[in-house]
Amino acid sequence: MKTQAIMAVAFASTFAVANPVVAQDKAGWPDNFTVGTASQGGTYFAYGSGWANFVAESLGVSGGAEITGGPMQNMALVHTGDLKFGLTTMGPAQESMDGNSPIAPGMKMDNVCAMFPMYETPFSVTALSSSGIKSISDIPDGATIGFGPAGSTSDTYFPRMMETLGVDFERRNGSWSDLGGQLQDGLIDVVAFAAGIPIPAVSQLEVQTDVNIISMTEAEADKVTDSFPVSEFIIPAETYQSLDEPSRVVSMWNFAMVNCDMPESFVYEITKLTMEQNDSMVSIHKAARNSVPENYSKNNVLPWHPGAARWFNENGYAIDENRIK
């Protein structure tokens, strides 16, 4: 898989002036770090790149983001230590922890620890307005649907959801940017997005053409939530110019994760920075409005890194000892 690193370098002098509170012993801290994100055009890449730069500039450690196949691959890369940090979704995280990842069947990826909550990933469907597709039941038999990068959260769960809802389709994989281009060019019929909102690729499509952002009916949402580890989610109407009213879909939580062997003090400072400066995170991506400590309880899969757990416990968000790696 082709990857691309986007590095942000920060100087110690800048760090010392801007963040004197972090002038502590950095024994064992890495010289640099890389965050596993996903494909360009998706929220993971925008959020992860911005967050990596924010951490690098604030803590004086060189850091950046790497394009990957998304949550499943990020779990594998962080577990093995090829990447120290990554972004994942609770469904793929559970499958990876249980040894059911299609990337490495039978390998229990248990050297991955939670750091902080990110946001919910809505599963939403987009089609060109000219297609006449206004609902999931309108998707014609044999339609070509883009499900994102192979092994991504969307690719792992959305095809199964569509089958549960009785949709007959041809499967297409690719980056969100590529699939958005294929949709615009009429090469595919639908894109089934799973990403934090607003999704950059959808916002770009809206600028270039007319699209329908398709809601689930109450019955469809109930059927999917009964069958998958998701909950009902409402996309606010103001999220996209194509929406005239809120859109009912389903969603799954995302968390930032870290290799469990990373130094406690380093992970503590990153967690502290991220959880205490939400305004800076929201300036990176609007989905970070949900990257707040109160949502720590949404993690019921990954063990907590000791450094992250220390910050949460110090600030009144209790994490049991048996949940800490």
C-alpha atoms as a PDB file:
ATOM      1  CA  MET A   1       0.000   0.000   0.000  1.00  0.00           C
ATOM      2  CA  LYS A   2       1.299   3.380  -0.982  1.00  0.00           C
ATOM      3  CA  THR A   3       1.776   5.574   2.054  1.00  0.00           C
ATOM      4  CA  GLN A   4       2.651   9.181   2.458  1.00  0.00           C
ATOM      5  CA  ALA A   5       4.020  10.834   5.577  1.00  0.00           C
ATOM      6  CA  ILE A   6       3.244  14.436   6.329  1.00  0.00           C
ATOM      7  CA  MET A   7       5.671  15.681   8.933  1.00  0.00           C
ATOM      8  CA  ALA A   8       5.490  18.734  11.147  1.00  0.00           C
ATOM      9  CA  VAL A   9       8.708  19.811  12.869  1.00  0.00           C
ATOM     10  CA  ALA A  10       8.693  21.966  15.989  1.00  0.00           C
ATOM     11  CA  PHE A  11      11.631  23.637  17.711  1.00  0.00           C
ATOM     12  CA  ALA A  12      12.411  23.350  21.396  1.00  0.00           C
ATOM     13  CA  SER A  13      12.691  27.123  21.795  1.00  0.00           C
ATOM     14  CA  THR A  14       9.120  27.633  20.570  1.00  0.00           C
ATOM     15  CA  PHE A  15       7.923  24.826  22.807  1.00  0.00           C
ATOM     16  CA  ALA A  16       9.645  26.233  25.870  1.00  0.00           C
ATOM     17  CA  VAL A  17       7.961  29.629  25.486  1.00  0.00           C
ATOM     18  CA  ALA A  18       4.497  28.369  24.531  1.00  0.00           C
ATOM     19  CA  ASN A  19       4.255  25.418  26.903  1.00  0.00           C
ATOM     20  CA  PRO A  20       6.456  25.901  29.992  1.00  0.00           C
ATOM     21  CA  VAL A  21       4.276  23.530  32.008  1.00  0.00           C
ATOM     22  CA  VAL A  22       5.638  20.601  30.002  1.00  0.00           C
ATOM     23  CA  ALA A  23       9.261  21.363  30.899  1.00  0.00           C
ATOM     24  CA  GLN A  24       9.689  18.009  32.641  1.00  0.00           C
ATOM     25  CA  ASP A  25      11.850  14.937  32.400  1.00  0.00           C
ATOM     26  CA  LYS A  26      11.467  13.540  28.869  1.00  0.00           C
ATOM     27  CA  ALA A  27      13.441  10.370  29.531  1.00  0.00           C
ATOM     28  CA  GLY A  28      12.385   7.681  27.076  1.00  0.00           C
ATOM     29  CA  TRP A  29      10.400  10.030  24.857  1.00  0.00           C
ATOM     30  CA  PRO A  30      10.760   9.269  21.134  1.00  0.00           C
ATOM     31  CA  ASP A  31      12.532  11.721  18.833  1.00  0.00           C
ATOM     32  CA  ASN A  32       9.548  11.578  16.484  1.00  0.00           C
ATOM     33  CA  PHE A  33       6.172   9.901  16.063  1.00  0.00           C
ATOM     34  CA  THR A  34       3.736   9.001  13.297  1.00  0.00           C
ATOM     35  CA  VAL A  35      -0.053   8.654  13.521  1.00  0.00           C
ATOM     36  CA  GLY A  36      -1.864   6.082  11.359  1.00  0.00           C
ATOM     37  CA  THR A  37      -4.921   7.729   9.764  1.00  0.00           C
ATOM     38  CA  ALA A  38      -6.718   6.569   6.578  1.00  0.00           C
ATOM     39  CA  SER A  39      -7.180   7.704   2.983  1.00  0.00           C
ATOM     40  CA  GLN A  40      -7.118  11.304   1.798  1.00  0.00           C
ATOM     41  CA  GLY A  41     -10.552  12.886   1.488  1.00  0.00           C
ATOM     42  CA  GLY A  42     -11.730  11.265   4.730  1.00  0.00           C
ATOM     43  CA  THR A  43     -12.051  12.653   8.243  1.00  0.00           C
ATOM     44  CA  TYR A  44      -9.350  10.407   9.736  1.00  0.00           C
ATOM     45  CA  PHE A  45      -6.701  11.953   7.514  1.00  0.00           C
ATOM     46  CA  ALA A  46      -7.795  15.554   8.189  1.00  0.00           C
ATOM     47  CA  TYR A  47      -8.241  14.979  11.935  1.00  0.00           C
ATOM     48  CA  GLY A  48      -5.105  12.844  12.373  1.00  0.00           C
ATOM     49  CA  SER A  49      -2.823  15.139  10.373  1.00  0.00           C
ATOM     50  CA  GLY A  50      -3.981  18.213  12.248  1.00  0.00           C
ATOM     51  CA  TRP A  51      -3.752  16.512  15.636  1.00  0.00           C
ATOM     52  CA  ALA A  52      -0.230  15.196  14.925  1.00  0.00           C
ATOM     53  CA  ASN A  53       0.915  18.700  13.977  1.00  0.00           C
ATOM     54  CA  PHE A  54      -0.745  20.170  17.077  1.00  0.00           C
ATOM     55  CA  VAL A  55       1.037  17.682  19.352  1.00  0.00           C
ATOM     56  CA  ALA A  56       4.364  18.165  17.570  1.00  0.00           C
ATOM     57  CA  GLU A  57       4.229  21.942  17.836  1.00  0.00           C
ATOM     58  CA  SER A  58       3.095  21.883  21.461  1.00  0.00           C
ATOM     59  CA  LEU A  59       5.437  19.236  22.855  1.00  0.00           C
ATOM     60  CA  GLY A  60       8.515  19.866  20.744  1.00  0.00           C
ATOM     61  CA  VAL A  61       8.667  16.416  19.169  1.00  0.00           C
ATOM     62  CA  SER A  62       8.748  15.871  15.402  1.00  0.00           C
ATOM     63  CA  GLY A  63       5.507  14.245  14.302  1.00  0.00           C
ATOM     64  CA  GLY A  64       3.114  13.705  11.445  1.00  0.00           C
ATOM     65  CA  ALA A  65       0.470  11.500   9.878  1.00  0.00           C
ATOM     66  CA  GLU A  66       0.627   8.528   7.544  1.00  0.00           C
ATOM     67  CA  ILE A  67      -1.982   7.470   5.019  1.00  0.00           C
ATOM     68  CA  THR A  68      -3.156   3.914   5.791  1.00  0.00           C
ATOM     69  CA  GLY A  69      -6.059   1.593   5.059  1.00  0.00           C
ATOM     70  CA  GLY A  70      -7.898   2.858   8.143  1.00  0.00           C
ATOM     71  CA  PRO A  71      -8.913   1.416  11.533  1.00  0.00           C
ATOM     72  CA  MET A  72      -8.155  -2.272  10.887  1.00  0.00           C
ATOM     73  CA  GLN A  73      -4.702  -1.607   9.476  1.00  0.00           C
ATOM     74  CA  ASN A  74      -4.018   0.989  12.166  1.00  0.00           C
ATOM     75  CA  MET A  75      -4.720  -1.629  14.838  1.00  0.00           C
ATOM     76  CA  ALA A  76      -2.180  -3.963  13.245  1.00  0.00           C
ATOM     77  CA  LEU A  77       0.461  -1.265  12.775  1.00  0.00           C
ATOM     78  CA  VAL A  78       0.160   0.027  16.341  1.00  0.00           C
ATOM     79  CA  HIS A  79       0.080  -3.485  17.828  1.00  0.00           C
ATOM     80  CA  THR A  80       3.340  -4.440  16.097  1.00  0.00           C
ATOM     81  CA  GLY A  81       4.949  -1.072  16.883  1.00  0.00           C
ATOM     82  CA  ASP A  82       5.393  -0.111  13.220  1.00  0.00           C
ATOM     83  CA  LEU A  83       3.417   2.998  14.182  1.00  0.00           C
ATOM     84  CA  LYS A  84       3.228   4.320  17.731  1.00  0.00           C
ATOM     85  CA  PHE A  85      -0.148   6.038  17.389  1.00  0.00           C
ATOM     86  CA  GLY A  86      -3.284   5.466  15.349  1.00  0.00           C
ATOM     87  CA  LEU A  87      -6.994   6.107  15.023  1.00  0.00           C
ATOM     88  CA  THR A  88      -9.547   3.313  15.222  1.00  0.00           C
ATOM     89  CA  THR A  89     -13.234   2.551  15.529  1.00  0.00           C
ATOM     90  CA  MET A  90     -14.683   0.347  18.243  1.00  0.00           C
ATOM     91  CA  GLY A  91     -16.008  -2.353  15.898  1.00  0.00           C
ATOM     92  CA  PRO A  92     -12.711  -3.002  14.068  1.00  0.00           C
ATOM     93  CA  ALA A  93     -10.868  -2.642  17.388  1.00  0.00           C
ATOM     94  CA  GLN A  94     -12.953  -5.428  18.933  1.00  0.00           C
ATOM     95  CA  GLU A  95     -12.454  -7.730  15.954  1.00  0.00           C
ATOM     96  CA  SER A  96      -8.699  -7.077  16.024  1.00  0.00           C
ATOM     97  CA  MET A  97      -8.464  -7.651  19.777  1.00  0.00           C
ATOM     98  CA  ASP A  98     -10.317 -10.956  19.349  1.00  0.00           C
ATOM     99  CA  GLY A  99      -7.981 -12.133  16.583  1.00  0.00           C
ATOM    100  CA  ASN A 100     -10.583 -11.772  13.847  1.00  0.00           C
ATOM    101  CA  SER A 101      -8.883  -9.104  11.738  1.00  0.00           C
ATOM    102  CA  PRO A 102      -8.798  -9.992   8.026  1.00  0.00           C
ATOM    103  CA  ILE A 103      -5.340  -8.394   7.917  1.00  0.00           C
ATOM    104  CA  ALA A 104      -3.824 -10.959  10.296  1.00  0.00           C
ATOM    105  CA  PRO A 105      -6.336 -13.737  11.061  1.00  0.00           C
ATOM    106  CA  GLY A 106      -5.707 -15.385  14.430  1.00  0.00           C
ATOM    107  CA  MET A 107      -3.423 -12.615  15.757  1.00  0.00           C
ATOM    108  CA  LYS A 108      -4.879 -11.095  18.924  1.00  0.00           C
ATOM    109  CA  MET A 109      -3.836  -7.466  18.756  1.00  0.00           C
ATOM    110  CA  ASP A 110      -3.636  -6.838  22.480  1.00  0.00           C
ATOM    111  CA  ASN A 111      -0.713  -4.401  22.618  1.00  0.00           C
ATOM    112  CA  VAL A 112      -2.934  -1.470  21.696  1.00  0.00           C
ATOM    113  CA  CYS A 113      -4.162   0.965  24.363  1.00  0.00           C
ATOM    114  CA  ALA A 114      -6.794   3.701  24.351  1.00  0.00           C
ATOM    115  CA  MET A 115      -5.786   7.349  24.757  1.00  0.00           C
ATOM    116  CA  PHE A 116      -8.869   9.539  24.316  1.00  0.00           C
ATOM    117  CA  PRO A 117     -12.312   9.654  22.622  1.00  0.00           C
ATOM    118  CA  MET A 118     -12.507  11.238  19.183  1.00  0.00           C
ATOM    119  CA  TYR A 119     -16.026  11.317  17.733  1.00  0.00           C
ATOM    120  CA  GLU A 120     -18.785   9.154  16.338  1.00  0.00           C
ATOM    121  CA  THR A 121     -18.526   7.839  12.782  1.00  0.00           C
ATOM    122  CA  PRO A 122     -21.883   8.091  11.003  1.00  0.00           C
ATOM    123  CA  PHE A 123     -22.598   5.598   8.211  1.00  0.00           C
ATOM    124  CA  SER A 124     -24.154   7.695   5.453  1.00  0.00           C
ATOM    125  CA  VAL A 125     -25.031   7.185   1.807  1.00  0.00           C
ATOM    126  CA  THR A 126     -24.476   9.737  -0.960  1.00  0.00           C
ATOM    127  CA  ALA A 127     -25.673   9.651  -4.585  1.00  0.00           C
ATOM    128  CA  LEU A 128     -25.904  12.185  -7.393  1.00  0.00           C
ATOM    129  CA  SER A 129     -29.248  13.981  -7.456  1.00  0.00           C
ATOM    130  CA  SER A 130     -29.454  13.158 -11.174  1.00  0.00           C
ATOM    131  CA  SER A 131     -29.522   9.432 -10.306  1.00  0.00           C
ATOM    132  CA  GLY A 132     -32.967   9.709  -8.776  1.00  0.00           C
ATOM    133  CA  ILE A 133     -31.766   7.764  -5.715  1.00  0.00           C
ATOM    134  CA  LYS A 134     -33.389   9.435  -2.704  1.00  0.00           C
ATOM    135  CA  SER A 135     -33.597   6.495  -0.294  1.00  0.00           C
ATOM    136  CA  ILE A 136     -31.850   3.201   0.361  1.00  0.00           C
ATOM    137  CA  SER A 137     -34.799   1.367  -1.169  1.00  0.00           C
ATOM    138  CA  ASP A 138     -34.229   3.369  -4.380  1.00  0.00           C
ATOM    139  CA  ILE A 139     -30.782   1.833  -4.933  1.00  0.00           C
ATOM    140  CA  PRO A 140     -31.257  -0.392  -7.991  1.00  0.00           C
ATOM    141  CA  ASP A 141     -30.244  -4.045  -8.076  1.00  0.00           C
ATOM    142  CA  GLY A 142     -26.651  -4.437  -9.182  1.00  0.00           C
ATOM    143  CA  ALA A 143     -25.718  -0.842  -8.347  1.00  0.00           C
ATOM    144  CA  THR A 144     -21.996  -0.202  -7.913  1.00  0.00           C
ATOM    145  CA  ILE A 145     -21.334   1.086  -4.405  1.00  0.00           C
ATOM    146  CA  GLY A 146     -18.031   2.554  -3.195  1.00  0.00           C
ATOM    147  CA  PHE A 147     -17.234   1.415   0.344  1.00  0.00           C
ATOM    148  CA  GLY A 148     -13.933   3.210   0.930  1.00  0.00           C
ATOM    149  CA  PRO A 149     -10.472   1.659   1.346  1.00  0.00           C
ATOM    150  CA  ALA A 150     -10.315  -2.130   1.707  1.00  0.00           C
ATOM    151  CA  GLY A 151     -10.369  -3.066   5.380  1.00  0.00           C
ATOM    152  CA  SER A 152     -11.714   0.333   6.497  1.00  0.00           C
ATOM    153  CA  THR A 153     -14.617   0.676   8.930  1.00  0.00           C
ATOM    154  CA  SER A 154     -16.974   1.355   6.038  1.00  0.00           C
ATOM    155  CA  ASP A 155     -15.678  -1.581   4.006  1.00  0.00           C
ATOM    156  CA  THR A 156     -15.911  -3.890   7.025  1.00  0.00           C
ATOM    157  CA  TYR A 157     -19.467  -3.051   8.083  1.00  0.00           C
ATOM    158  CA  PHE A 158     -21.374  -1.136   5.396  1.00  0.00           C
ATOM    159  CA  PRO A 159     -21.607  -4.025   2.885  1.00  0.00           C
ATOM    160  CA  ARG A 160     -23.083  -6.226   5.628  1.00  0.00           C
ATOM    161  CA  MET A 161     -25.525  -3.458   6.555  1.00  0.00           C
ATOM    162  CA  MET A 162     -26.612  -3.087   2.938  1.00  0.00           C
ATOM    163  CA  GLU A 163     -27.145  -6.836   2.663  1.00  0.00           C
ATOM    164  CA  THR A 164     -29.209  -6.745   5.865  1.00  0.00           C
ATOM    165  CA  LEU A 165     -31.362  -4.037   4.261  1.00  0.00           C
ATOM    166  CA  GLY A 166     -31.850  -6.145   1.126  1.00  0.00           C
ATOM    167  CA  VAL A 167     -29.652  -4.112  -1.229  1.00  0.00           C
ATOM    168  CA  ASP A 168     -28.053  -6.027  -4.121  1.00  0.00           C
ATOM    169  CA  PHE A 169     -24.805  -4.371  -5.197  1.00  0.00           C
ATOM    170  CA  GLU A 170     -21.395  -4.564  -6.833  1.00  0.00           C
ATOM    171  CA  ARG A 171     -18.590  -3.650  -4.447  1.00  0.00           C
ATOM    172  CA  ARG A 172     -15.942  -0.999  -5.230  1.00  0.00           C
ATOM    173  CA  ASN A 173     -12.998   0.031  -3.014  1.00  0.00           C
ATOM    174  CA  GLY A 174     -10.804   3.118  -3.119  1.00  0.00           C
ATOM    175  CA  SER A 175      -9.924   6.287  -1.250  1.00  0.00           C
ATOM    176  CA  TRP A 176     -12.799   8.620  -0.418  1.00  0.00           C
ATOM    177  CA  SER A 177     -11.389  11.238  -2.804  1.00  0.00           C
ATOM    178  CA  ASP A 178     -11.185   8.713  -5.644  1.00  0.00           C
ATOM    179  CA  LEU A 179     -14.664   7.353  -5.007  1.00  0.00           C
ATOM    180  CA  GLY A 180     -16.090  10.879  -4.864  1.00  0.00           C
ATOM    181  CA  GLY A 181     -14.528  11.521  -8.281  1.00  0.00           C
ATOM    182  CA  GLN A 182     -15.920   8.253  -9.653  1.00  0.00           C
ATOM    183  CA  LEU A 183     -19.394   9.144  -8.372  1.00  0.00           C
ATOM    184  CA  GLN A 184     -19.225  12.551 -10.018  1.00  0.00           C
ATOM    185  CA  ASP A 185     -18.078  10.993 -13.300  1.00  0.00           C
ATOM    186  CA  GLY A 186     -20.897   8.420 -13.255  1.00  0.00           C
ATOM    187  CA  LEU A 187     -18.559   5.458 -12.854  1.00  0.00           C
ATOM    188  CA  ILE A 188     -20.290   4.293  -9.672  1.00  0.00           C
ATOM    189  CA  ASP A 189     -23.847   4.774  -8.424  1.00  0.00           C
ATOM    190  CA  VAL A 190     -23.456   5.351  -4.686  1.00  0.00           C
ATOM    191  CA  VAL A 191     -20.782   6.026  -2.085  1.00  0.00           C
ATOM    192  CA  ALA A 192     -21.342   4.508   1.360  1.00  0.00           C
ATOM    193  CA  PHE A 193     -19.315   6.767   3.636  1.00  0.00           C
ATOM    194  CA  ALA A 194     -18.263   5.999   7.188  1.00  0.00           C
ATOM    195  CA  ALA A 195     -16.372   9.014   8.525  1.00  0.00           C
ATOM    196  CA  GLY A 196     -16.704  11.886  10.967  1.00  0.00           C
ATOM    197  CA  ILE A 197     -18.797  14.777   9.758  1.00  0.00           C
ATOM    198  CA  PRO A 198     -18.476  16.891   7.773  1.00  0.00           C
ATOM    199  CA  ILE A 199     -16.727  14.441   5.424  1.00  0.00           C
ATOM    200  CA  PRO A 200     -14.282  16.419   3.249  1.00  0.00           C
ATOM    201  CA  ALA A 201     -15.083  14.376   0.140  1.00  0.00           C
ATOM    202  CA  VAL A 202     -18.830  15.045   0.514  1.00  0.00           C
ATOM    203  CA  SER A 203     -18.283  18.761   1.100  1.00  0.00           C
ATOM    204  CA  GLN A 204     -16.149  18.843  -2.049  1.00  0.00           C
ATOM    205  CA  LEU A 205     -18.814  17.007  -4.063  1.00  0.00           C
ATOM    206  CA  GLU A 206     -21.430  19.544  -2.975  1.00  0.00           C
ATOM    207  CA  VAL A 207     -19.344  22.349  -4.422  1.00  0.00           C
ATOM    208  CA  GLN A 208     -19.031  20.609  -7.783  1.00  0.00           C
ATOM    209  CA  THR A 209     -22.408  18.945  -8.325  1.00  0.00           C
ATOM    210  CA  ASP A 210     -25.846  18.270  -6.820  1.00  0.00           C
ATOM    211  CA  VAL A 211     -25.968  15.308  -4.441  1.00  0.00           C
ATOM    212  CA  ASN A 212     -28.506  13.507  -2.275  1.00  0.00           C
ATOM    213  CA  ILE A 213     -27.395  12.630   1.249  1.00  0.00           C
ATOM    214  CA  ILE A 214     -29.644   9.703   2.010  1.00  0.00           C
ATOM    215  CA  SER A 215     -31.287   9.029   5.361  1.00  0.00           C
ATOM    216  CA  MET A 216     -32.352   5.713   6.845  1.00  0.00           C
ATOM    217  CA  THR A 217     -35.979   5.196   7.714  1.00  0.00           C
ATOM    218  CA  GLU A 218     -36.737   4.439  11.344  1.00  0.00           C
ATOM    219  CA  ALA A 219     -37.318   0.787  10.423  1.00  0.00           C
ATOM    220  CA  GLU A 220     -34.013   0.580   8.546  1.00  0.00           C
ATOM    221  CA  ALA A 221     -32.096   2.156  11.433  1.00  0.00           C
ATOM    222  CA  ASP A 222     -33.722  -0.246  13.909  1.00  0.00           C
ATOM    223  CA  LYS A 223     -32.839  -3.243  11.750  1.00  0.00           C
ATOM    224  CA  VAL A 224     -29.184  -2.188  11.503  1.00  0.00           C
ATOM    225  CA  THR A 225     -28.772  -1.327  15.199  1.00  0.00           C
ATOM    226  CA  ASP A 226     -30.230  -4.720  16.103  1.00  0.00           C
ATOM    227  CA  SER A 227     -27.596  -6.466  13.968  1.00  0.00           C
ATOM    228  CA  PHE A 228     -24.385  -4.412  14.397  1.00  0.00           C
ATOM    229  CA  PRO A 229     -22.386  -2.597  17.154  1.00  0.00           C
ATOM    230  CA  VAL A 230     -23.837   0.805  16.201  1.00  0.00           C
ATOM    231  CA  SER A 231     -26.427   3.249  17.509  1.00  0.00           C
ATOM    232  CA  GLU A 232     -28.816   5.683  15.845  1.00  0.00           C
ATOM    233  CA  PHE A 233     -27.280   9.039  14.962  1.00  0.00           C
ATOM    234  CA  ILE A 234     -28.739  12.271  13.589  1.00  0.00           C
ATOM    235  CA  ILE A 235     -26.675  14.330  11.133  1.00  0.00           C
ATOM    236  CA  PRO A 236     -27.641  17.974  11.778  1.00  0.00           C
ATOM    237  CA  ALA A 237     -29.098  19.750   8.745  1.00  0.00           C
ATOM    238  CA  GLU A 238     -26.438  22.466   8.907  1.00  0.00           C
ATOM    239  CA  THR A 239     -23.659  19.911   8.347  1.00  0.00           C
ATOM    240  CA  TYR A 240     -24.134  19.932   4.571  1.00  0.00           C
ATOM    241  CA  GLN A 241     -25.736  22.408   2.176  1.00  0.00           C
ATOM    242  CA  SER A 242     -27.531  19.476   0.520  1.00  0.00           C
ATOM    243  CA  LEU A 243     -29.545  18.711   3.667  1.00  0.00           C
ATOM    244  CA  ASP A 244     -32.853  20.490   4.222  1.00  0.00           C
ATOM    245  CA  GLU A 245     -33.547  18.619   7.458  1.00  0.00           C
ATOM    246  CA  PRO A 246     -31.667  16.372   9.908  1.00  0.00           C
ATOM    247  CA  SER A 247     -30.681  12.990   8.511  1.00  0.00           C
ATOM    248  CA  ARG A 248     -31.164   9.729  10.442  1.00  0.00           C
ATOM    249  CA  VAL A 249     -28.269   7.262  10.100  1.00  0.00           C
ATOM    250  CA  VAL A 250     -26.262   4.996  12.445  1.00  0.00           C
ATOM    251  CA  SER A 251     -22.827   5.532  13.971  1.00  0.00           C
ATOM    252  CA  MET A 252     -19.850   3.933  15.751  1.00  0.00           C
ATOM    253  CA  TRP A 253     -17.354   5.552  18.169  1.00  0.00           C
ATOM    254  CA  ASN A 254     -13.704   6.301  17.344  1.00  0.00           C
ATOM    255  CA  PHE A 255     -10.758   6.500  19.744  1.00  0.00           C
ATOM    256  CA  ALA A 256      -7.141   7.542  19.447  1.00  0.00           C
ATOM    257  CA  MET A 257      -4.863   4.656  20.385  1.00  0.00           C
ATOM    258  CA  VAL A 258      -1.216   4.103  21.220  1.00  0.00           C
ATOM    259  CA  ASN A 259       1.207   1.207  21.424  1.00  0.00           C
ATOM    260  CA  CYS A 260       1.009   0.124  25.064  1.00  0.00           C
ATOM    261  CA  ASP A 261       4.820   0.263  25.438  1.00  0.00           C
ATOM    262  CA  MET A 262       5.039   4.026  24.876  1.00  0.00           C
ATOM    263  CA  PRO A 263       6.391   6.034  27.866  1.00  0.00           C
ATOM    264  CA  GLU A 264       3.727   6.913  30.433  1.00  0.00           C
ATOM    265  CA  SER A 265       4.839  10.546  30.759  1.00  0.00           C
ATOM    266  CA  PHE A 266       4.690  11.107  26.985  1.00  0.00           C
ATOM    267  CA  VAL A 267       1.175   9.673  26.646  1.00  0.00           C
ATOM    268  CA  TYR A 268       0.061  11.625  29.740  1.00  0.00           C
ATOM    269  CA  GLU A 269       1.193  14.933  28.219  1.00  0.00           C
ATOM    270  CA  ILE A 270      -0.445  14.177  24.869  1.00  0.00           C
ATOM    271  CA  THR A 271      -3.720  13.231  26.576  1.00  0.00           C
ATOM    272  CA  LYS A 272      -3.592  16.334  28.781  1.00  0.00           C
ATOM    273  CA  LEU A 273      -2.927  18.595  25.793  1.00  0.00           C
ATOM    274  CA  THR A 274      -5.727  17.093  23.701  1.00  0.00           C
ATOM    275  CA  MET A 275      -8.360  16.925  26.424  1.00  0.00           C
ATOM    276  CA  GLU A 276      -7.666  20.377  27.857  1.00  0.00           C
ATOM    277  CA  GLN A 277      -7.538  22.321  24.583  1.00  0.00           C
ATOM    278  CA  ASN A 278     -10.707  21.337  22.774  1.00  0.00           C
ATOM    279  CA  ASP A 279     -10.972  24.713  21.018  1.00  0.00           C
ATOM    280  CA  SER A 280      -7.685  23.972  19.266  1.00  0.00           C
ATOM    281  CA  MET A 281      -8.926  20.506  18.311  1.00  0.00           C
ATOM    282  CA  VAL A 282     -12.193  21.892  16.889  1.00  0.00           C
ATOM    283  CA  SER A 283     -10.169  24.322  14.777  1.00  0.00           C
ATOM    284  CA  ILE A 284      -8.522  21.230  13.230  1.00  0.00           C
ATOM    285  CA  HIS A 285     -11.833  19.500  12.467  1.00  0.00           C
ATOM    286  CA  LYS A 286     -15.402  20.152  13.615  1.00  0.00           C
ATOM    287  CA  ALA A 287     -15.835  16.477  14.540  1.00  0.00           C
ATOM    288  CA  ALA A 288     -13.530  17.190  17.505  1.00  0.00           C
ATOM    289  CA  ARG A 289     -16.459  18.850  19.273  1.00  0.00           C
ATOM    290  CA  ASN A 290     -17.003  15.349  20.651  1.00  0.00           C
ATOM    291  CA  SER A 291     -13.316  14.856  21.554  1.00  0.00           C
ATOM    292  CA  VAL A 292     -14.071  15.700  25.187  1.00  0.00           C
ATOM    293  CA  PRO A 293     -13.244  13.762  28.364  1.00  0.00           C
ATOM    294  CA  GLU A 294     -16.890  13.024  29.191  1.00  0.00           C
ATOM    295  CA  ASN A 295     -16.957  10.585  26.279  1.00  0.00           C
ATOM    296  CA  TYR A 296     -14.202   8.386  27.736  1.00  0.00           C
ATOM    297  CA  SER A 297     -16.910   5.923  28.803  1.00  0.00           C
ATOM    298  CA  LYS A 298     -17.642   5.098  25.147  1.00  0.00           C
ATOM    299  CA  ASN A 299     -14.564   2.851  25.145  1.00  0.00           C
ATOM    300  CA  ASN A 300     -15.678  -0.615  26.176  1.00  0.00           C
ATOM    301  CA  VAL A 301     -13.098  -2.462  24.078  1.00  0.00           C
ATOM    302  CA  LEU A 302      -9.494  -1.293  24.472  1.00  0.00           C
ATOM    303  CA  PRO A 303      -7.461  -1.285  27.692  1.00  0.00           C
ATOM    304  CA  TRP A 304      -6.303   2.183  28.740  1.00  0.00           C
ATOM    305  CA  HIS A 305      -2.685   3.279  28.535  1.00  0.00           C
ATOM    306  CA  PRO A 306      -1.387   4.124  32.060  1.00  0.00           C
ATOM    307  CA  GLY A 307      -0.459   7.655  30.964  1.00  0.00           C
ATOM    308  CA  ALA A 308      -3.920   8.385  29.582  1.00  0.00           C
ATOM    309  CA  ALA A 309      -5.651   6.730  32.535  1.00  0.00           C
ATOM    310  CA  ARG A 310      -3.619   8.878  34.955  1.00  0.00           C
ATOM    311  CA  TRP A 311      -4.918  12.082  33.354  1.00  0.00           C
ATOM    312  CA  PHE A 312      -8.532  10.896  33.350  1.00  0.00           C
ATOM    313  CA  ASN A 313      -8.366   9.701  36.969  1.00  0.00           C
ATOM    314  CA  GLU A 314      -6.728  12.943  38.107  1.00  0.00           C
ATOM    315  CA  ASN A 315      -9.556  14.896  36.524  1.00  0.00           C
ATOM    316  CA  GLY A 316     -12.498  12.986  37.952  1.00  0.00           C
ATOM    317  CA  TYR A 317     -13.132  10.493  35.141  1.00  0.00           C
ATOM    318  CA  ALA A 318     -12.727   7.191  36.936  1.00  0.00           C
ATOM    319  CA  ILE A 319     -11.040   4.324  35.116  1.00  0.00           C
ATOM    320  CA  ASP A 320     -10.883   1.065  37.034  1.00  0.00           C
ATOM    321  CA  GLU A 321      -7.484  -0.459  37.706  1.00  0.00           C
ATOM    322  CA  ASN A 322      -8.477  -3.613  35.794  1.00  0.00           C
ATOM    323  CA  ARG A 323      -9.094  -1.527  32.647  1.00  0.00           C
ATOM    324  CA  ILE A 324      -5.519  -0.171  32.630  1.00  0.00           C
ATOM    325  CA  LYS A 325      -2.819  -2.092  30.760  1.00  0.00           C
END
